[in-house]
């Protein structure tokens, strides 16, 4: 591996299912290949990771997806991630996602249906939770939507707003984080189709459209986004699998992640159950979406998809087959071509430094 072509990736995994916690890997930018550098199990079930803030941007943040619910910071200047400061309670149950917003770390707590804001301290470590916003509501699926289930939080491209995707209430909430106090204030809520179970959201690079993938139905909802007013408005729903597959499938499909290409021409969705990656094309505005192809995910139960910083390589964390597969993205069609795989027990996500 050329030293000039090496990047860094971090793989979260479920320690309760035999995972190693957080694995650091070198990334060969020429081939997409991952080479393990080291791992730490200092935090149980670090199911989602994000890197960014802290001195030199060398801090990795993780949720601990347990009933106690916690978040942690890691120094990743060495080969093995090192816990930075104390594990901090999120005052919520089973956090599944986190993001960086307004100098804070924000977690989506699936079990309790809430969102928590924690301060980032000068050394990059986390302070005690400053605020918790409790979601309210339910959906028509009695087994999955009897209560709120916040599944993802992320800032909009302008950095002014924070969006929270709730599987239990079939809605997306738009919030504001006070950078001084960490207070999280609800600005508005957008209802999506009942029973779709929205899980994750991704923005078009131009910032005028957002795409919400449903977990309970294999659909993608296209929404307009107005950053001036903080208003999200659904305009169209597209199936992420061919109708024939949906109708005839013996195994139910649960989409997990949506990723948009850096130039906004393609969009990919990971499908658990069908064990595939859907390839959708976008028109020049980002409003029109069309299903172009589906390809195998390189394993079983793809919980996460991640595009590397160059946009050339797509990574699938296949939770139940215990591997991370990578694909070369065809620049003309967006279709991922299998390029390699790394054995990682119970992987849940891939993040890049």
Protein backbone atom coordinates (compact mmCIF):
# COMPACT_ATOMS: atom_id res chain seq x y z
CA UNK A 1 0.00 0.00 0.00
CA UNK A 2 1.34 3.37 -0.95
CA UNK A 3 1.69 5.75 1.97
CA UNK A 4 0.42 8.58 -0.20
CA UNK A 5 -2.77 6.71 -1.02
CA UNK A 6 -3.76 5.64 2.50
CA UNK A 7 -6.80 7.04 4.27
CA UNK A 8 -8.53 5.95 7.48
CA UNK A 9 -11.84 4.23 8.10
CA UNK A 10 -13.58 3.20 11.31
CA UNK A 11 -16.00 0.30 11.57
CA UNK A 12 -18.55 0.11 14.36
CA UNK A 13 -19.84 -3.29 15.46
CA UNK A 14 -22.12 -4.95 18.01
CA UNK A 15 -20.01 -6.32 20.87
CA UNK A 16 -23.13 -8.13 22.14
CA UNK A 17 -23.08 -10.17 18.90
CA UNK A 18 -19.35 -10.91 18.90
CA UNK A 19 -18.15 -7.67 17.35
CA UNK A 20 -14.85 -6.03 18.30
CA UNK A 21 -16.35 -2.63 19.03
CA UNK A 22 -14.56 -0.01 16.93
CA UNK A 23 -12.07 -1.21 14.34
CA UNK A 24 -9.63 1.23 12.73
CA UNK A 25 -8.51 0.39 9.20
CA UNK A 26 -6.22 1.87 6.60
CA UNK A 27 -7.92 2.57 3.26
CA UNK A 28 -6.02 2.21 0.03
CA UNK A 29 -7.55 4.97 -2.08
CA UNK A 30 -6.34 3.31 -5.29
CA UNK A 31 -8.10 -0.03 -4.67
CA UNK A 32 -10.60 0.67 -1.89
CA UNK A 33 -9.02 -2.10 0.18
CA UNK A 34 -9.28 -2.03 3.98
CA UNK A 35 -6.41 -3.20 6.22
CA UNK A 36 -7.08 -3.52 9.95
CA UNK A 37 -4.85 -1.38 12.19
CA UNK A 38 -6.41 -2.07 15.59
CA UNK A 39 -9.63 -2.28 17.56
CA UNK A 40 -11.13 -1.35 20.92
CA UNK A 41 -14.12 -2.67 22.85
CA UNK A 42 -14.02 0.16 25.40
CA UNK A 43 -17.66 0.96 24.66
CA UNK A 44 -20.40 -1.68 24.31
CA UNK A 45 -22.29 -1.84 21.00
CA UNK A 46 -20.86 1.27 19.25
CA UNK A 47 -23.37 0.92 16.41
CA UNK A 48 -22.84 4.32 14.80
CA UNK A 49 -19.78 6.54 14.45
CA UNK A 50 -18.96 10.03 13.20
CA UNK A 51 -15.61 11.83 13.04
CA UNK A 52 -14.84 15.52 13.10
CA UNK A 53 -14.58 17.98 15.95
CA UNK A 54 -11.77 18.25 18.45
CA UNK A 55 -8.14 19.30 18.08
CA UNK A 56 -7.18 18.78 14.45
CA UNK A 57 -10.43 16.95 13.73
CA UNK A 58 -8.89 13.79 15.15
CA UNK A 59 -11.80 12.75 17.37
CA UNK A 60 -14.26 9.96 16.65
CA UNK A 61 -17.67 9.92 18.34
CA UNK A 62 -19.76 6.82 18.99
CA UNK A 63 -23.12 5.90 20.41
CA UNK A 64 -23.46 2.94 22.75
CA UNK A 65 -26.67 1.29 21.60
CA UNK A 66 -27.68 -0.15 24.96
CA UNK A 67 -30.73 0.28 27.17
CA UNK A 68 -28.67 2.63 29.38
CA UNK A 69 -27.79 4.72 26.31
CA UNK A 70 -24.47 6.53 26.11
CA UNK A 71 -22.09 8.40 23.81
CA UNK A 72 -18.30 8.48 23.80
CA UNK A 73 -15.34 10.25 22.22
CA UNK A 74 -12.17 8.56 20.95
CA UNK A 75 -8.75 9.91 20.09
CA UNK A 76 -7.84 8.34 16.74
CA UNK A 77 -4.35 9.75 16.20
CA UNK A 78 -2.92 6.26 16.80
CA UNK A 79 -3.71 2.91 15.23
CA UNK A 80 -6.04 1.89 18.09
CA UNK A 81 -8.87 4.31 19.02
CA UNK A 82 -8.39 5.53 22.60
CA UNK A 83 -11.30 6.53 24.82
CA UNK A 84 -11.19 10.26 25.43
CA UNK A 85 -12.81 11.39 28.66
CA UNK A 86 -15.77 9.67 30.25
CA UNK A 87 -18.65 7.77 28.66
CA UNK A 88 -21.64 10.11 28.88
CA UNK A 89 -25.25 9.05 29.45
CA UNK A 90 -27.66 10.34 26.80
CA UNK A 91 -30.65 10.09 29.16
CA UNK A 92 -32.35 7.95 26.54
CA UNK A 93 -32.67 4.30 25.49
CA UNK A 94 -30.76 2.61 22.65
CA UNK A 95 -29.19 5.48 20.67
CA UNK A 96 -28.78 4.42 17.03
CA UNK A 97 -27.24 7.50 15.42
CA UNK A 98 -25.31 10.66 16.20
CA UNK A 99 -24.10 13.76 14.42
CA UNK A 100 -22.13 16.95 14.97
CA UNK A 101 -24.10 20.19 15.06
CA UNK A 102 -23.38 23.69 16.41
CA UNK A 103 -20.32 22.50 18.35
CA UNK A 104 -22.25 19.67 19.97
CA UNK A 105 -22.83 15.95 19.54
CA UNK A 106 -26.49 15.04 19.07
CA UNK A 107 -27.85 11.50 19.42
CA UNK A 108 -31.05 9.86 18.15
CA UNK A 109 -32.36 7.52 20.84
CA UNK A 110 -34.44 4.82 19.18
CA UNK A 111 -35.80 3.06 22.27
CA UNK A 112 -37.03 6.17 24.05
CA UNK A 113 -37.92 8.16 20.93
CA UNK A 114 -35.85 11.16 21.96
CA UNK A 115 -32.94 13.33 20.84
CA UNK A 116 -30.07 14.35 23.16
CA UNK A 117 -27.54 17.18 22.91
CA UNK A 118 -24.09 16.87 24.54
CA UNK A 119 -21.35 19.52 24.56
CA UNK A 120 -17.94 18.92 22.98
CA UNK A 121 -15.23 20.07 25.39
CA UNK A 122 -11.94 21.75 24.48
CA UNK A 123 -10.03 18.46 24.25
CA UNK A 124 -12.72 16.89 22.07
CA UNK A 125 -14.27 14.80 24.85
CA UNK A 126 -17.96 14.96 25.72
CA UNK A 127 -19.62 16.73 28.63
CA UNK A 128 -22.86 15.76 30.37
CA UNK A 129 -26.07 15.94 28.35
CA UNK A 130 -27.45 19.48 28.16
CA UNK A 131 -30.92 18.87 26.74
CA UNK A 132 -33.28 16.11 25.66
CA UNK A 133 -36.16 16.55 23.23
CA UNK A 134 -38.84 13.88 23.60
CA UNK A 135 -40.76 12.93 20.45
CA UNK A 136 -44.50 12.19 20.64
CA UNK A 137 -46.79 10.11 18.44
CA UNK A 138 -47.22 6.66 16.89
CA UNK A 139 -47.90 4.91 13.59
CA UNK A 140 -50.14 2.18 12.14
CA UNK A 141 -47.70 -0.72 12.54
CA UNK A 142 -48.59 -1.90 16.05
CA UNK A 143 -45.46 -4.01 16.43
CA UNK A 144 -42.99 -1.32 15.38
CA UNK A 145 -44.79 2.02 15.72
CA UNK A 146 -46.59 1.97 19.05
CA UNK A 147 -44.35 4.82 20.23
CA UNK A 148 -41.78 7.27 18.84
CA UNK A 149 -38.47 5.83 17.64
CA UNK A 150 -35.95 8.51 16.68
CA UNK A 151 -33.54 6.77 14.31
CA UNK A 152 -31.32 9.48 12.83
CA UNK A 153 -30.27 13.08 13.40
CA UNK A 154 -28.32 15.23 10.97
CA UNK A 155 -27.78 18.91 10.17
CA UNK A 156 -29.01 20.37 6.91
CA UNK A 157 -26.37 21.64 4.43
CA UNK A 158 -26.72 25.22 5.70
CA UNK A 159 -25.86 24.14 9.24
CA UNK A 160 -28.77 26.16 10.62
CA UNK A 161 -31.20 23.29 11.17
CA UNK A 162 -31.12 19.81 12.68
CA UNK A 163 -33.41 17.12 11.28
CA UNK A 164 -34.59 14.11 13.29
CA UNK A 165 -36.04 11.10 11.45
CA UNK A 166 -38.57 9.09 13.49
CA UNK A 167 -39.54 5.57 12.44
CA UNK A 168 -42.31 5.30 15.01
CA UNK A 169 -44.20 8.46 14.10
CA UNK A 170 -43.71 8.41 10.29
CA UNK A 171 -42.30 11.92 10.42
CA UNK A 172 -39.24 14.13 10.30
CA UNK A 173 -38.79 16.89 12.87
CA UNK A 174 -36.88 20.08 12.14
CA UNK A 175 -35.09 21.55 15.16
CA UNK A 176 -32.63 24.25 16.14
CA UNK A 177 -29.65 23.76 18.47
CA UNK A 178 -28.58 26.75 20.56
CA UNK A 179 -24.76 26.73 20.21
CA UNK A 180 -24.32 28.47 23.57
CA UNK A 181 -26.58 26.35 25.78
CA UNK A 182 -27.20 23.16 23.80
CA UNK A 183 -30.95 23.68 24.07
CA UNK A 184 -32.82 21.83 21.34
CA UNK A 185 -35.96 23.59 20.14
CA UNK A 186 -38.60 22.06 17.87
CA UNK A 187 -39.26 24.18 14.78
CA UNK A 188 -41.66 21.98 12.81
CA UNK A 189 -42.67 18.42 11.92
CA UNK A 190 -43.27 16.89 8.48
CA UNK A 191 -45.63 13.92 8.16
CA UNK A 192 -44.68 11.16 5.71
CA UNK A 193 -46.78 8.28 4.37
CA UNK A 194 -48.23 6.22 7.26
CA UNK A 195 -46.51 2.91 7.87
CA UNK A 196 -43.36 3.62 5.85
CA UNK A 197 -41.23 3.85 9.00
CA UNK A 198 -38.73 6.52 7.92
CA UNK A 199 -35.23 5.54 9.01
CA UNK A 200 -32.56 7.74 7.40
CA UNK A 201 -32.34 10.88 5.29
CA UNK A 202 -29.75 12.25 2.86
CA UNK A 203 -29.52 15.64 1.15
CA UNK A 204 -28.80 16.38 -2.48
CA UNK A 205 -25.46 18.28 -2.68
CA UNK A 206 -27.27 21.36 -3.99
CA UNK A 207 -29.29 21.39 -0.77
CA UNK A 208 -32.77 21.82 -2.29
CA UNK A 209 -33.93 18.21 -2.01
CA UNK A 210 -33.79 15.51 0.65
CA UNK A 211 -34.42 11.78 0.33
CA UNK A 212 -35.94 9.73 3.16
CA UNK A 213 -35.67 5.94 3.09
CA UNK A 214 -38.39 3.89 4.76
CA UNK A 215 -37.51 0.83 6.82
CA UNK A 216 -40.99 -0.70 7.07
CA UNK A 217 -41.75 -0.27 3.37
CA UNK A 218 -39.03 -0.34 0.65
CA UNK A 219 -39.64 3.24 -0.44
CA UNK A 220 -37.80 6.50 -0.92
CA UNK A 221 -39.63 9.78 -0.27
CA UNK A 222 -38.35 12.79 -2.21
CA UNK A 223 -38.79 16.05 -0.31
CA UNK A 224 -38.14 19.66 -1.12
CA UNK A 225 -36.05 21.50 1.47
CA UNK A 226 -36.21 25.23 2.11
CA UNK A 227 -33.20 26.23 4.20
CA UNK A 228 -34.49 29.79 4.59
CA UNK A 229 -37.66 28.74 6.37
CA UNK A 230 -36.64 25.30 7.64
CA UNK A 231 -39.51 23.54 5.86
CA UNK A 232 -39.36 19.96 4.53
CA UNK A 233 -42.14 19.00 2.10
CA UNK A 234 -42.68 15.51 0.59
CA UNK A 235 -43.36 15.58 -3.16
CA UNK A 236 -42.97 12.00 -4.43
CA UNK A 237 -42.53 8.39 -3.30
CA UNK A 238 -40.48 5.85 -5.28
CA UNK A 239 -40.04 2.11 -4.69
CA UNK A 240 -36.42 1.12 -4.15
CA UNK A 241 -36.99 -2.40 -5.48
CA UNK A 242 -38.83 -3.58 -8.61
CA UNK A 243 -42.55 -4.07 -7.94
CA UNK A 244 -42.25 -7.72 -8.99
CA UNK A 245 -39.61 -8.30 -6.31
CA UNK A 246 -41.72 -6.62 -3.63
CA UNK A 247 -44.80 -8.64 -4.58
CA UNK A 248 -43.09 -12.02 -4.84
CA UNK A 249 -40.45 -11.79 -2.13
CA UNK A 250 -40.58 -14.57 0.44
CA UNK A 251 -38.38 -12.53 2.78
CA UNK A 252 -39.46 -9.05 3.81
CA UNK A 253 -37.06 -6.22 2.95
CA UNK A 254 -36.01 -3.58 5.47
CA UNK A 255 -34.02 -0.75 3.81
CA UNK A 256 -31.37 0.69 6.11
CA UNK A 257 -29.40 3.53 4.54
CA UNK A 258 -29.53 6.06 1.72
CA UNK A 259 -26.41 7.65 0.20
CA UNK A 260 -26.19 10.35 -2.50
CA UNK A 261 -23.18 10.68 -4.82
CA UNK A 262 -21.01 13.76 -4.38
CA UNK A 263 -22.10 15.18 -7.74
CA UNK A 264 -25.79 14.41 -7.17
CA UNK A 265 -26.33 12.10 -10.16
CA UNK A 266 -26.84 8.83 -8.28
CA UNK A 267 -28.38 7.56 -5.09
CA UNK A 268 -27.91 4.19 -3.38
CA UNK A 269 -30.09 2.36 -0.86
CA UNK A 270 -29.07 -0.70 1.19
CA UNK A 271 -31.75 -3.39 1.49
CA UNK A 272 -31.69 -5.87 4.36
CA UNK A 273 -33.57 -9.07 3.58
CA UNK A 274 -33.22 -8.67 -0.18
CA UNK A 275 -29.49 -8.23 0.59
CA UNK A 276 -28.96 -5.75 -2.20
CA UNK A 277 -27.94 -2.24 -3.06
CA UNK A 278 -30.44 -0.30 -5.16
CA UNK A 279 -29.07 2.16 -7.70
CA UNK A 280 -31.27 5.13 -8.49
CA UNK A 281 -30.55 7.95 -10.92
CA UNK A 282 -31.31 11.62 -10.26
CA UNK A 283 -32.10 14.28 -12.82
CA UNK A 284 -30.07 17.49 -12.98
CA UNK A 285 -32.28 19.18 -10.37
CA UNK A 286 -32.34 16.25 -7.97
CA UNK A 287 -36.14 16.07 -7.95
CA UNK A 288 -36.75 13.16 -10.34
CA UNK A 289 -35.64 9.76 -9.09
CA UNK A 290 -35.66 6.51 -11.09
CA UNK A 291 -34.70 2.98 -10.07
CA UNK A 292 -31.93 1.83 -12.45
CA UNK A 293 -30.61 -1.44 -11.02
CA UNK A 294 -30.07 -3.61 -7.97
CA UNK A 295 -26.83 -5.45 -7.18
CA UNK A 296 -25.86 -7.86 -4.41
CA UNK A 297 -24.50 -6.29 -1.23
CA UNK A 298 -21.64 -8.78 -0.93
CA UNK A 299 -23.03 -10.37 2.21
CA UNK A 300 -26.12 -10.64 4.40
CA UNK A 301 -28.13 -7.86 6.10
CA UNK A 302 -26.46 -4.61 4.95
CA UNK A 303 -27.01 -2.31 7.93
CA UNK A 304 -25.02 0.60 6.53
CA UNK A 305 -23.67 2.07 3.30
CA UNK A 306 -20.88 4.62 3.18
CA UNK A 307 -19.23 6.47 0.31
CA UNK A 308 -15.53 7.24 0.70
CA UNK A 309 -14.37 10.89 0.50
CA UNK A 310 -13.30 10.49 -3.15
CA UNK A 311 -16.72 9.19 -4.19
CA UNK A 312 -15.10 6.25 -5.99
CA UNK A 313 -15.73 3.50 -3.43
CA UNK A 314 -18.95 2.36 -1.75
CA UNK A 315 -18.80 0.26 1.43
CA UNK A 316 -21.53 -2.03 2.81
CA UNK A 317 -21.46 -3.15 6.45
CA UNK A 318 -23.09 -6.58 6.26
CA UNK A 319 -24.10 -7.23 9.84
CA UNK A 320 -25.20 -10.87 9.76
CA UNK A 321 -22.55 -12.24 7.40
CA UNK A 322 -19.81 -10.47 9.37
CA UNK A 323 -18.06 -8.55 6.62
CA UNK A 324 -17.57 -5.13 5.09
CA UNK A 325 -17.71 -5.31 1.29
CA UNK A 326 -16.46 -2.54 -0.98
CA UNK A 327 -17.45 -1.66 -4.50
CA UNK A 328 -16.00 0.45 -7.29
CA UNK A 329 -18.62 2.96 -8.44
CA UNK A 330 -19.05 3.17 -12.21
CA UNK A 331 -18.75 6.88 -12.98
CA UNK A 332 -21.15 6.66 -15.92
CA UNK A 333 -23.91 4.46 -14.50
CA UNK A 334 -23.48 4.60 -10.73
CA UNK A 335 -23.58 0.80 -10.59
CA UNK A 336 -21.28 -0.60 -7.87
CA UNK A 337 -18.87 -3.36 -8.94
CA UNK A 338 -17.61 -5.78 -6.24
CA UNK A 339 -13.96 -5.05 -5.43
CA UNK A 340 -13.21 -6.75 -2.11
CA UNK A 341 -14.33 -7.70 1.38
CA UNK A 342 -13.00 -7.67 4.95
CA UNK A 343 -14.19 -10.05 7.67
CA UNK A 344 -15.55 -7.99 10.58
CA UNK A 345 -17.90 -9.64 13.09
CA UNK A 346 -21.33 -7.97 13.40
CA UNK A 347 -20.44 -4.68 11.62
CA UNK A 348 -22.95 -1.87 11.89
CA UNK A 349 -21.42 1.16 10.16
CA UNK A 350 -18.40 2.58 8.36
CA UNK A 351 -17.11 6.12 8.92
CA UNK A 352 -14.17 7.94 7.36
CA UNK A 353 -11.67 10.28 8.97
